[in-house]
Amino acid sequence: MPLVLKPFRALIIGSSGTIGAAFMDLLETSPDCEVVYGLNRQSANPIDYQDLGTIESAAASLTQEGPFQLIINTIGVLHSEHWMPEKKLDDLNTEQLQMLMQINAIGPGLTIKHFSKLLDPAGSVMATLSAKVGSIEDNRLGGWFSYRASKAALNMLIKTASIEFSRTKPNTALVALHPGTVNSRLSKPFKGEQIGRPPLEAAADMLKILLSLNKEDSGSFISYSGERLPW
């Protein structure tokens, strides 16, 4: 039986990004969603992974609004105006590696710590956007050192937390979610506009998967299509 029953209360973390905004649009018009809250760097109670202290305070600000049956974290970074994914080992540098680790792994890990307290113990799903290139087993092309490493670290945090949740939150599924290539600022330099999907379509694909999860799915690395990906 699915963990998220209808109607449900939802929270989107990173609601100003391309995928986060698509989730907001989708849920705001869904008859199955009672209410959806969005958090981002400009929200009333901001969350900013370059200021990790905002994570706990943002979670605390929503204590009275919960519990939530669905929490989706869409925050992540692949490149910036200063650097692109590394093509070779000689491109590896401290600033890029530290920044991606902080935004793609440390921030989401602390988000699981603090925001999981807002989950409905009777039945809930918490998903964090990861990436297939974070799979160690699936890595056949190399390159993209910082991004791959940060997503692999994120996946380990999710898997480890899910083991604890099996004891402390047995009715919660904690998962890593691969969105595929979506037309966004993140994917634009990599032909995302040619090979990607519209954000609303991608969000609908992912939401369908999340609303079908049961407790046995916790600790999984799942694609938008429902495929289980190797760690």
Protein backbone atom coordinates (compact mmCIF):
# COMPACT_ATOMS: atom_id res chain seq x y z
CA MET A 1 0.00 0.00 0.00
CA PRO A 2 1.39 3.45 -0.88
CA LEU A 3 2.70 5.45 2.07
CA VAL A 4 1.29 8.79 0.90
CA LEU A 5 -2.47 8.76 1.26
CA LYS A 6 -4.79 11.36 -0.25
CA PRO A 7 -5.24 14.18 0.48
CA PHE A 8 -1.64 14.90 1.48
CA ARG A 9 0.44 17.85 2.62
CA ALA A 10 3.63 18.56 0.70
CA LEU A 11 6.81 20.59 1.06
CA ILE A 12 9.17 21.50 -1.78
CA ILE A 13 12.69 22.54 -0.80
CA GLY A 14 14.32 24.56 -3.57
CA SER A 15 10.97 25.79 -4.88
CA SER A 16 12.45 28.61 -6.97
CA GLY A 17 14.54 26.31 -9.17
CA THR A 18 13.32 24.88 -12.46
CA ILE A 19 12.28 21.48 -11.11
CA GLY A 20 11.17 22.82 -7.74
CA ALA A 21 8.91 25.40 -9.38
CA ALA A 22 7.44 22.69 -11.61
CA PHE A 23 6.62 20.58 -8.55
CA MET A 24 4.96 23.63 -6.96
CA ASP A 25 2.84 24.26 -10.08
CA LEU A 26 1.86 20.61 -10.27
CA LEU A 27 0.91 20.26 -6.61
CA GLU A 28 -0.90 23.59 -6.36
CA THR A 29 -3.34 22.39 -9.01
CA SER A 30 -3.60 18.78 -7.82
CA PRO A 31 -6.89 17.82 -6.15
CA ASP A 32 -4.95 15.21 -4.18
CA CYS A 33 -2.70 17.80 -2.49
CA GLU A 34 -4.28 19.60 0.46
CA VAL A 35 -1.53 22.22 0.68
CA VAL A 36 2.03 22.67 -0.60
CA TYR A 37 4.71 24.86 0.96
CA GLY A 38 7.84 26.03 -0.83
CA LEU A 39 11.22 27.01 0.59
CA ASN A 40 14.08 28.70 -1.23
CA ARG A 41 16.72 31.38 -0.72
CA GLN A 42 14.14 34.17 -1.08
CA SER A 43 11.26 32.65 0.90
CA ALA A 44 10.03 34.16 4.16
CA ASN A 45 12.09 31.60 6.06
CA PRO A 46 14.98 31.11 3.63
CA ILE A 47 17.07 28.02 3.10
CA ASP A 48 20.51 28.55 1.57
CA TYR A 49 23.14 25.83 1.39
CA GLN A 50 25.89 28.43 1.37
CA ASP A 51 24.67 29.31 4.88
CA LEU A 52 24.09 25.92 6.48
CA GLY A 53 22.60 27.45 9.62
CA THR A 54 19.48 28.34 7.63
CA ILE A 55 18.55 24.66 7.32
CA GLU A 56 17.62 24.12 10.95
CA SER A 57 15.87 27.49 11.25
CA ALA A 58 13.85 26.89 8.07
CA ALA A 59 12.73 23.51 9.37
CA ALA A 60 11.79 24.99 12.75
CA SER A 61 9.65 27.65 11.04
CA LEU A 62 7.36 24.93 9.64
CA THR A 63 6.83 22.95 12.83
CA GLN A 64 3.26 24.19 13.19
CA GLU A 65 2.44 23.51 9.51
CA GLY A 66 3.19 19.80 9.59
CA PRO A 67 3.14 16.94 9.59
CA PHE A 68 3.95 16.49 5.92
CA GLN A 69 3.31 13.31 3.99
CA LEU A 70 5.61 14.33 1.12
CA ILE A 71 8.88 16.30 1.22
CA ILE A 72 10.95 16.74 -1.94
CA ASN A 73 14.37 18.40 -1.94
CA THR A 74 15.34 19.69 -5.39
CA ILE A 75 18.41 21.78 -4.46
CA GLY A 76 21.63 20.97 -6.33
CA VAL A 77 24.39 22.45 -8.45
CA LEU A 78 26.36 21.16 -11.42
CA HIS A 79 28.24 24.22 -12.68
CA SER A 80 28.59 27.95 -12.08
CA GLU A 81 29.63 31.06 -13.95
CA HIS A 82 33.19 30.35 -12.79
CA TRP A 83 33.61 26.66 -13.62
CA MET A 84 32.14 23.71 -15.50
CA PRO A 85 32.33 19.96 -14.71
CA GLU A 86 35.89 18.69 -14.89
CA LYS A 87 36.85 16.83 -18.06
CA LYS A 88 40.09 15.43 -16.64
CA LEU A 89 41.87 14.93 -13.32
CA ASP A 90 44.08 17.98 -13.88
CA ASP A 91 40.92 20.12 -13.77
CA LEU A 92 40.14 19.07 -10.20
CA ASN A 93 40.37 22.03 -7.81
CA THR A 94 39.67 22.71 -4.16
CA GLU A 95 37.05 25.44 -4.56
CA GLN A 96 34.84 23.47 -6.94
CA LEU A 97 35.10 20.24 -4.98
CA GLN A 98 34.26 21.94 -1.68
CA MET A 99 31.36 23.88 -3.14
CA LEU A 100 29.70 20.86 -4.75
CA MET A 101 30.18 18.75 -1.65
CA GLN A 102 28.54 21.45 0.46
CA ILE A 103 25.56 22.05 -1.82
CA ASN A 104 25.00 18.52 -3.16
CA ALA A 105 25.82 16.43 -0.07
CA ILE A 106 26.31 18.33 3.19
CA GLY A 107 23.28 20.59 2.73
CA PRO A 108 20.92 17.78 1.73
CA GLY A 109 22.26 15.56 4.52
CA LEU A 110 21.51 18.21 7.14
CA THR A 111 18.14 18.77 5.48
CA ILE A 112 17.26 15.12 6.05
CA LYS A 113 18.36 15.49 9.67
CA HIS A 114 16.20 18.52 10.42
CA PHE A 115 13.24 18.20 8.04
CA SER A 116 12.62 14.51 8.71
CA LYS A 117 11.22 15.67 12.07
CA LEU A 118 8.32 17.20 10.10
CA LEU A 119 7.32 13.92 8.43
CA ASP A 120 4.06 12.18 9.25
CA PRO A 121 4.95 9.07 11.27
CA ALA A 122 1.79 7.37 10.00
CA GLY A 123 2.99 7.43 6.39
CA SER A 124 5.35 9.66 4.42
CA VAL A 125 7.92 9.91 1.66
CA MET A 126 11.06 12.07 1.64
CA ALA A 127 12.93 12.32 -1.65
CA THR A 128 16.15 14.11 -2.55
CA LEU A 129 17.12 14.70 -6.16
CA SER A 130 20.32 12.87 -6.98
CA ALA A 131 21.80 11.93 -10.37
CA LYS A 132 22.59 8.73 -12.20
CA VAL A 133 26.17 9.93 -12.70
CA GLY A 134 26.55 9.60 -8.92
CA SER A 135 26.35 5.82 -9.30
CA ILE A 136 29.79 4.30 -8.73
CA GLU A 137 28.84 1.04 -10.43
CA ASP A 138 27.43 2.83 -13.48
CA ASN A 139 30.45 5.12 -13.99
CA ARG A 140 31.96 4.15 -17.33
CA LEU A 141 32.93 7.53 -18.81
CA GLY A 142 34.87 9.20 -15.99
CA GLY A 143 35.14 12.98 -15.72
CA TRP A 144 32.83 15.25 -13.74
CA PHE A 145 34.84 14.44 -10.61
CA SER A 146 33.25 16.87 -8.15
CA TYR A 147 29.67 16.35 -9.28
CA ARG A 148 29.96 12.56 -9.33
CA ALA A 149 31.65 12.49 -5.93
CA SER A 150 29.12 14.84 -4.34
CA LYS A 151 26.15 12.84 -5.60
CA ALA A 152 27.78 9.57 -4.51
CA ALA A 153 28.25 11.09 -1.05
CA LEU A 154 24.60 12.19 -1.06
CA ASN A 155 23.50 8.68 -1.99
CA MET A 156 25.46 7.22 0.92
CA LEU A 157 23.90 9.71 3.34
CA ILE A 158 20.43 8.75 2.11
CA LYS A 159 21.11 5.01 2.25
CA THR A 160 22.59 5.24 5.75
CA ALA A 161 19.75 7.40 7.07
CA SER A 162 17.20 5.01 5.58
CA ILE A 163 18.65 2.17 7.65
CA GLU A 164 18.11 4.22 10.80
CA PHE A 165 14.62 5.19 9.62
CA SER A 166 13.70 1.51 9.30
CA ARG A 167 13.91 1.47 13.11
CA THR A 168 12.82 5.00 14.03
CA LYS A 169 10.45 5.91 11.16
CA PRO A 170 9.21 2.57 9.80
CA ASN A 171 6.38 4.19 7.84
CA THR A 172 8.67 6.56 5.93
CA ALA A 173 10.38 5.90 2.60
CA LEU A 174 13.61 7.86 2.21
CA VAL A 175 14.86 7.76 -1.38
CA ALA A 176 17.35 9.23 -3.85
CA LEU A 177 15.56 10.31 -7.03
CA HIS A 178 17.12 10.67 -10.49
CA PRO A 179 15.11 13.20 -12.54
CA GLY A 180 16.70 12.45 -15.90
CA THR A 181 17.66 15.29 -18.22
CA VAL A 182 15.30 18.23 -17.77
CA ASN A 183 15.24 21.49 -19.71
CA SER A 184 16.81 23.81 -17.14
CA ARG A 185 19.69 26.18 -16.46
CA LEU A 186 21.60 23.22 -15.07
CA SER A 187 21.32 21.15 -18.25
CA LYS A 188 21.44 23.95 -20.84
CA PRO A 189 25.23 23.82 -21.45
CA PHE A 190 24.95 20.08 -22.08
CA LYS A 191 22.30 20.10 -24.84
CA GLY A 192 19.55 19.84 -22.23
CA GLU A 193 17.19 21.83 -24.43
CA GLN A 194 17.59 19.26 -27.22
CA ILE A 195 17.58 16.00 -25.23
CA GLY A 196 15.72 16.97 -22.07
CA ARG A 197 12.07 16.93 -21.05
CA PRO A 198 9.90 19.90 -20.09
CA PRO A 199 10.08 20.55 -16.32
CA LEU A 200 6.36 19.99 -15.72
CA GLU A 201 6.49 16.64 -17.53
CA ALA A 202 9.54 15.61 -15.51
CA ALA A 203 7.88 16.64 -12.24
CA ALA A 204 4.74 14.68 -13.15
CA ASP A 205 6.83 11.57 -13.88
CA MET A 206 8.62 11.83 -10.54
CA LEU A 207 5.49 12.61 -8.55
CA LYS A 208 3.79 9.52 -9.94
CA ILE A 209 6.69 7.39 -8.71
CA LEU A 210 6.82 9.03 -5.27
CA LEU A 211 3.11 8.60 -4.66
CA SER A 212 3.40 4.90 -5.42
CA LEU A 213 6.19 4.13 -2.94
CA ASN A 214 5.73 1.83 0.03
CA LYS A 215 7.92 1.23 3.06
CA GLU A 216 9.93 -1.49 1.30
CA ASP A 217 11.16 1.13 -1.19
CA SER A 218 13.01 3.10 1.47
CA GLY A 219 16.73 3.30 0.86
CA SER A 220 16.35 3.02 -2.92
CA PHE A 221 17.99 4.97 -5.73
CA ILE A 222 15.11 5.44 -8.16
CA SER A 223 14.82 6.90 -11.65
CA TYR A 224 11.90 9.05 -12.78
CA SER A 225 10.77 6.02 -14.81
CA GLY A 226 10.63 3.81 -11.70
CA GLU A 227 13.84 1.94 -12.56
CA ARG A 228 16.01 0.99 -9.57
CA LEU A 229 19.50 2.31 -10.17
CA PRO A 230 22.75 0.76 -8.88
CA TRP A 231 24.55 2.63 -6.12
